[in-house]
Amino acid sequence: MRLHRLLACTAILLCASSLHAQSPITTDPAPDKTSPAAMLSFQLPSHGALLNAFVYIASGPGPHPVVILLHGFPGNERNLDLAQSIRRAGWDVLYFNYRGSWGSPSTFSFTHAIEDTQSAIAYLRDPANAAKLRSDPRTIVLIGHSMGGMIAANVAAQDIAIRAVGLISAANMAGRLLPSVKANQQEAAIPRIAQSLAANGLSPLAGCTPESLARELLANAATWNIPDLAAKLATRPMLVISSDDGNAPASDALVENLHKAGDEEVTSLHFTTDHSYSDHRIALEKAVLEGLDYLQHK
């Protein structure tokens, strides 16, 4: 897939010649009476906690490739319209709430979110679960929005078997704090960082404070910095989507570093919209579906 830097205003451009075009689906497929599309809700085990989770199971006997869809901070935008579209395109989609978020038990932290995503991957790789979901554990794709993008990039960097990664307005929440760390100004920066985190609304999150989360981000600023993960991500296809929300510079830096690392399967898209892609949902859907379609046909 060619490396793109595309500016989109009201619609996404037609896919490049290296992609297999796939427009948003506007009619429901014929039901498969033997292996119908379904939704399975369950509790995902992770480090002693049982997380709220469900899988949209695609129609047909499979095995279906799988997307793990990762929500942001605190997770008001769930992108479940994307999940439904991805399922219609023949993929299973696993969605869950991290420990301490949205009713999942235990304590929320960014470290726990990384660990919980690893637990979700382990769940999908269990042969019994794969059979139940009619899924293919060899084809797992991580797609993360906002903080979920930071989680997806870090988890995939540690797990070479992840097939591909999609980042939607990935928030480089830790990496953007590197200047404070390098200047040894961590303590002075905590009130400002904590205030910024609190402004997102922490009521859906349990067991944490703005200050505890600020300290965690500062402690991991170098480790979790998204552009620096390029060397470990460059072996996989990458879809990097940004918007006018302030997160684009880190995405641009990641794309540049992926290109330098020799990854020729990178698509970079920019939409002139807000952090939730409020007026670009169809364009976002089209971009994601085209990226997944590429994986199925390469």
Protein backbone atom coordinates (compact mmCIF):
# COMPACT_ATOMS: atom_id res chain seq x y z
CA MET A 1 0.00 0.00 0.00
CA ARG A 2 1.42 3.38 -0.90
CA LEU A 3 2.30 5.93 1.76
CA HIS A 4 -0.30 8.69 1.60
CA ARG A 5 -0.68 12.09 3.23
CA LEU A 6 -4.16 13.08 2.17
CA LEU A 7 -6.20 16.14 3.07
CA ALA A 8 -9.94 15.51 3.08
CA CYS A 9 -12.62 18.15 3.56
CA THR A 10 -16.08 16.73 3.01
CA ALA A 11 -15.29 13.25 1.69
CA ILE A 12 -12.47 10.77 1.51
CA LEU A 13 -10.78 10.39 -1.86
CA LEU A 14 -11.24 7.23 -3.86
CA CYS A 15 -8.91 4.48 -2.70
CA ALA A 16 -5.45 4.17 -4.24
CA SER A 17 -4.72 1.53 -6.84
CA SER A 18 -3.01 -0.65 -4.24
CA LEU A 19 -6.26 -0.91 -2.29
CA HIS A 20 -9.31 -2.98 -3.13
CA ALA A 21 -12.16 -0.45 -3.08
CA GLN A 22 -14.98 -1.11 -0.68
CA SER A 23 -17.72 1.46 -0.23
CA PRO A 24 -19.87 1.61 2.88
CA ILE A 25 -22.52 -1.11 2.74
CA THR A 26 -26.03 0.29 2.36
CA THR A 27 -28.09 -2.92 2.39
CA ASP A 28 -28.06 -5.85 4.77
CA PRO A 29 -26.60 -9.09 3.42
CA ALA A 30 -28.82 -12.13 3.10
CA PRO A 31 -28.98 -13.96 6.46
CA ASP A 32 -26.96 -17.15 6.83
CA LYS A 33 -29.44 -19.51 8.50
CA THR A 34 -26.74 -22.00 9.46
CA SER A 35 -24.19 -19.50 10.82
CA PRO A 36 -26.06 -16.23 11.41
CA ALA A 37 -24.55 -12.97 12.53
CA ALA A 38 -24.76 -12.69 16.30
CA MET A 39 -23.71 -10.77 19.38
CA LEU A 40 -22.08 -12.54 22.30
CA SER A 41 -21.78 -10.62 25.56
CA PHE A 42 -19.48 -12.04 28.22
CA GLN A 43 -16.99 -11.16 30.93
CA LEU A 44 -13.40 -11.04 29.74
CA PRO A 45 -10.91 -12.29 32.37
CA SER A 46 -7.96 -9.99 32.96
CA HIS A 47 -5.62 -10.06 35.94
CA GLY A 48 -8.26 -11.25 38.38
CA ALA A 49 -11.06 -9.03 37.09
CA LEU A 50 -13.94 -9.84 34.77
CA LEU A 51 -14.35 -7.05 32.22
CA ASN A 52 -17.55 -6.07 30.45
CA ALA A 53 -17.13 -7.28 26.86
CA PHE A 54 -18.97 -8.41 23.77
CA VAL A 55 -18.19 -9.70 20.30
CA TYR A 56 -20.10 -8.90 17.14
CA ILE A 57 -19.86 -12.23 15.30
CA ALA A 58 -19.92 -12.05 11.50
CA SER A 59 -22.32 -14.04 9.37
CA GLY A 60 -21.06 -17.27 7.86
CA PRO A 61 -19.06 -20.28 9.08
CA GLY A 62 -15.73 -18.47 9.10
CA PRO A 63 -13.16 -18.51 10.34
CA HIS A 64 -13.50 -14.73 10.46
CA PRO A 65 -10.61 -12.31 10.99
CA VAL A 66 -11.00 -10.24 14.15
CA VAL A 67 -10.77 -6.57 15.06
CA ILE A 68 -10.28 -5.50 18.67
CA LEU A 69 -11.81 -2.03 18.91
CA LEU A 70 -10.22 0.05 21.69
CA HIS A 71 -11.97 3.07 23.18
CA GLY A 72 -10.35 6.25 24.40
CA PHE A 73 -10.22 8.31 27.59
CA PRO A 74 -12.59 8.05 29.30
CA GLY A 75 -14.46 6.35 26.45
CA ASN A 76 -17.56 8.39 25.62
CA GLU A 77 -17.02 7.77 21.89
CA ARG A 78 -17.27 4.01 21.40
CA ASN A 79 -17.24 3.92 17.58
CA LEU A 80 -19.77 1.11 17.52
CA ASP A 81 -21.06 2.29 14.15
CA LEU A 82 -17.64 1.24 12.86
CA ALA A 83 -17.96 -2.08 14.69
CA GLN A 84 -21.25 -2.86 12.97
CA SER A 85 -19.85 -1.93 9.56
CA ILE A 86 -16.75 -4.04 10.14
CA ARG A 87 -18.94 -7.00 11.13
CA ARG A 88 -21.01 -6.63 7.94
CA ALA A 89 -17.75 -6.75 5.99
CA GLY A 90 -17.05 -10.22 7.41
CA TRP A 91 -14.98 -9.52 10.52
CA ASP A 92 -15.67 -10.36 14.13
CA VAL A 93 -15.30 -7.32 16.40
CA LEU A 94 -14.36 -7.53 20.10
CA TYR A 95 -15.17 -4.52 22.27
CA PHE A 96 -14.52 -4.29 26.01
CA ASN A 97 -14.15 -1.81 28.84
CA TYR A 98 -10.79 -1.64 30.57
CA ARG A 99 -10.48 -2.42 34.24
CA GLY A 100 -12.06 0.34 36.29
CA SER A 101 -13.90 1.90 33.34
CA TRP A 102 -17.61 1.99 32.62
CA GLY A 103 -18.54 -0.60 35.23
CA SER A 104 -15.72 -3.08 34.68
CA PRO A 105 -14.36 -3.92 38.15
CA SER A 106 -10.98 -2.98 39.65
CA THR A 107 -8.88 0.16 39.14
CA PHE A 108 -8.40 2.14 35.98
CA SER A 109 -4.90 2.96 34.81
CA PHE A 110 -3.17 3.22 31.46
CA THR A 111 -0.99 0.25 32.39
CA HIS A 112 -4.12 -1.77 33.13
CA ALA A 113 -5.56 -0.78 29.74
CA ILE A 114 -2.45 -2.17 28.03
CA GLU A 115 -2.64 -5.37 30.08
CA ASP A 116 -6.37 -5.75 29.45
CA THR A 117 -5.82 -5.47 25.70
CA GLN A 118 -3.22 -8.21 25.96
CA SER A 119 -5.79 -10.29 27.86
CA ALA A 120 -8.30 -9.73 25.06
CA ILE A 121 -5.77 -10.98 22.53
CA ALA A 122 -5.09 -14.06 24.66
CA TYR A 123 -8.83 -14.72 24.84
CA LEU A 124 -9.13 -14.65 21.05
CA ARG A 125 -6.12 -16.93 20.64
CA ASP A 126 -7.63 -19.62 22.87
CA PRO A 127 -8.76 -22.39 20.48
CA ALA A 128 -12.03 -22.96 22.35
CA ASN A 129 -12.95 -19.28 22.12
CA ALA A 130 -11.95 -19.10 18.47
CA ALA A 131 -14.25 -22.03 17.71
CA LYS A 132 -17.11 -20.40 19.62
CA LEU A 133 -16.69 -17.11 17.78
CA ARG A 134 -16.00 -18.72 14.38
CA SER A 135 -12.88 -16.53 14.36
CA ASP A 136 -9.35 -16.79 13.02
CA PRO A 137 -6.84 -16.18 15.84
CA ARG A 138 -4.07 -15.75 13.27
CA THR A 139 -5.65 -12.54 11.96
CA ILE A 140 -6.14 -10.06 14.79
CA VAL A 141 -6.15 -6.34 14.04
CA LEU A 142 -6.07 -3.60 16.68
CA ILE A 143 -7.99 -0.40 15.97
CA GLY A 144 -7.83 2.28 18.64
CA HIS A 145 -9.36 5.74 18.92
CA SER A 146 -7.68 8.50 20.93
CA MET A 147 -6.13 6.90 24.05
CA GLY A 148 -7.08 3.59 22.47
CA GLY A 149 -4.65 4.45 19.70
CA MET A 150 -1.85 4.85 22.23
CA ILE A 151 -2.81 1.47 23.70
CA ALA A 152 -3.04 -0.22 20.28
CA ALA A 153 0.38 1.06 19.17
CA ASN A 154 2.09 -0.02 22.38
CA VAL A 155 0.48 -3.46 22.49
CA ALA A 156 1.22 -4.17 18.82
CA ALA A 157 4.81 -3.03 19.30
CA GLN A 158 5.19 -5.81 21.87
CA ASP A 159 3.28 -8.46 19.89
CA ILE A 160 4.67 -9.20 16.45
CA ALA A 161 1.76 -11.55 15.65
CA ILE A 162 -0.77 -8.69 15.53
CA ARG A 163 -1.68 -8.59 11.87
CA ALA A 164 -2.16 -4.83 11.42
CA VAL A 165 -2.92 -1.65 13.36
CA GLY A 166 -5.37 1.19 12.82
CA LEU A 167 -4.95 4.44 14.73
CA ILE A 168 -7.78 6.98 14.76
CA SER A 169 -6.66 10.31 16.24
CA ALA A 170 -4.19 8.45 18.43
CA ALA A 171 -3.53 10.53 21.53
CA ASN A 172 0.16 10.55 22.41
CA MET A 173 -0.78 11.17 26.02
CA ALA A 174 2.55 10.10 27.50
CA GLY A 175 4.95 11.06 24.74
CA ARG A 176 3.80 14.67 24.60
CA LEU A 177 5.11 15.04 28.18
CA LEU A 178 8.72 14.22 27.25
CA PRO A 179 9.84 17.88 27.39
CA SER A 180 8.82 18.03 31.07
CA VAL A 181 10.65 14.79 31.78
CA LYS A 182 13.84 15.84 30.00
CA ALA A 183 13.84 19.15 31.84
CA ASN A 184 13.33 17.36 35.17
CA GLN A 185 10.08 19.28 35.70
CA GLN A 186 7.79 16.32 36.38
CA GLU A 187 6.50 17.53 39.73
CA ALA A 188 5.87 21.04 38.45
CA ALA A 189 3.95 19.63 35.48
CA ILE A 190 1.61 17.37 37.47
CA PRO A 191 -1.07 20.01 38.33
CA ARG A 192 -1.36 21.09 34.69
CA ILE A 193 -1.54 17.51 33.40
CA ALA A 194 -4.02 16.50 36.10
CA GLN A 195 -6.26 19.45 35.25
CA SER A 196 -6.23 18.47 31.58
CA LEU A 197 -7.16 14.88 32.41
CA ALA A 198 -9.92 15.95 34.79
CA ALA A 199 -11.43 18.12 32.07
CA ASN A 200 -12.27 14.94 30.14
CA GLY A 201 -14.51 13.78 32.98
CA LEU A 202 -13.37 10.93 35.20
CA SER A 203 -16.73 9.78 36.57
CA PRO A 204 -16.75 6.63 34.35
CA LEU A 205 -13.35 5.65 35.83
CA ALA A 206 -12.79 4.01 39.21
CA GLY A 207 -9.87 3.87 41.62
CA CYS A 208 -7.81 6.65 40.07
CA THR A 209 -7.31 10.38 40.43
CA PRO A 210 -6.15 12.97 37.91
CA GLU A 211 -2.89 13.17 39.84
CA SER A 212 -2.29 9.40 39.83
CA LEU A 213 -2.88 9.25 36.09
CA ALA A 214 -0.63 12.25 35.49
CA ARG A 215 2.19 10.57 37.40
CA GLU A 216 1.73 7.37 35.42
CA LEU A 217 1.95 9.21 32.11
CA LEU A 218 5.09 11.06 33.18
CA ALA A 219 6.70 7.83 34.37
CA ASN A 220 6.10 6.22 30.97
CA ALA A 221 6.62 9.22 28.71
CA ALA A 222 9.60 7.73 26.88
CA THR A 223 8.31 4.14 26.78
CA TRP A 224 4.85 4.95 25.41
CA ASN A 225 5.86 7.71 22.96
CA ILE A 226 4.01 6.71 19.78
CA PRO A 227 6.48 7.97 17.10
CA ASP A 228 9.30 6.04 18.78
CA LEU A 229 7.41 2.76 18.31
CA ALA A 230 7.80 2.88 14.53
CA ALA A 231 10.67 0.39 14.32
CA LYS A 232 8.59 -2.26 16.12
CA LEU A 233 5.45 -1.51 14.10
CA ALA A 234 7.04 -1.28 10.66
CA THR A 235 6.59 -4.98 9.88
CA ARG A 236 2.79 -4.58 9.68
CA PRO A 237 0.30 -2.65 7.58
CA MET A 238 -0.65 0.59 9.34
CA LEU A 239 -3.65 2.88 8.92
CA VAL A 240 -3.04 6.24 10.59
CA ILE A 241 -5.98 8.67 10.59
CA SER A 242 -5.85 12.14 12.11
CA SER A 243 -8.14 15.14 12.46
CA ASP A 244 -8.02 18.78 13.55
CA ASP A 245 -7.91 17.92 17.26
CA GLY A 246 -4.25 18.57 18.07
CA ASN A 247 -3.15 14.95 17.83
CA ALA A 248 -2.02 15.08 14.20
CA PRO A 249 1.67 15.99 14.84
CA ALA A 250 2.38 12.74 16.66
CA SER A 251 0.58 10.77 13.95
CA ASP A 252 2.60 12.56 11.27
CA ALA A 253 5.82 11.81 13.14
CA LEU A 254 4.88 8.14 13.42
CA VAL A 255 4.14 7.91 9.69
CA GLU A 256 7.45 9.58 8.86
CA ASN A 257 9.32 7.15 11.14
CA LEU A 258 7.48 4.16 9.68
CA HIS A 259 8.52 5.27 6.22
CA LYS A 260 12.14 5.62 7.36
CA ALA A 261 11.95 2.12 8.86
CA GLY A 262 10.95 0.71 5.49
CA ASP A 263 7.24 0.13 6.02
CA GLU A 264 5.64 0.52 2.59
CA GLU A 265 2.20 -0.56 3.82
CA VAL A 266 1.19 2.68 5.47
CA THR A 267 -1.89 4.74 4.69
CA SER A 268 -2.10 8.20 6.27
CA LEU A 269 -5.33 10.18 6.10
CA HIS A 270 -6.27 13.55 7.55
CA PHE A 271 -9.84 14.81 7.95
CA THR A 272 -10.80 18.40 8.72
CA THR A 273 -13.15 17.49 11.54
CA ASP A 274 -13.26 17.13 15.31
CA HIS A 275 -11.90 14.43 17.62
CA SER A 276 -15.05 12.30 17.29
CA TYR A 277 -15.27 12.69 13.49
CA SER A 278 -18.76 14.01 14.10
CA ASP A 279 -19.42 15.03 10.49
CA HIS A 280 -17.11 12.48 8.85
CA ARG A 281 -18.47 9.15 10.09
CA ILE A 282 -19.08 7.73 6.61
CA ALA A 283 -15.64 8.86 5.44
CA LEU A 284 -14.09 7.26 8.52
CA GLU A 285 -16.03 4.06 7.90
CA LYS A 286 -14.89 3.97 4.29
CA ALA A 287 -11.24 4.42 5.27
CA VAL A 288 -11.38 1.63 7.84
CA LEU A 289 -13.21 -0.78 5.54
CA GLU A 290 -10.75 -0.15 2.71
CA GLY A 291 -7.84 -0.87 5.02
CA LEU A 292 -9.38 -4.13 6.21
CA ASP A 293 -10.30 -5.10 2.66
CA TYR A 294 -6.66 -4.64 1.66
CA LEU A 295 -5.60 -7.13 4.35
CA GLN A 296 -8.06 -9.74 3.09
CA HIS A 297 -6.84 -9.49 -0.51
CA LYS A 298 -3.08 -8.99 -0.24
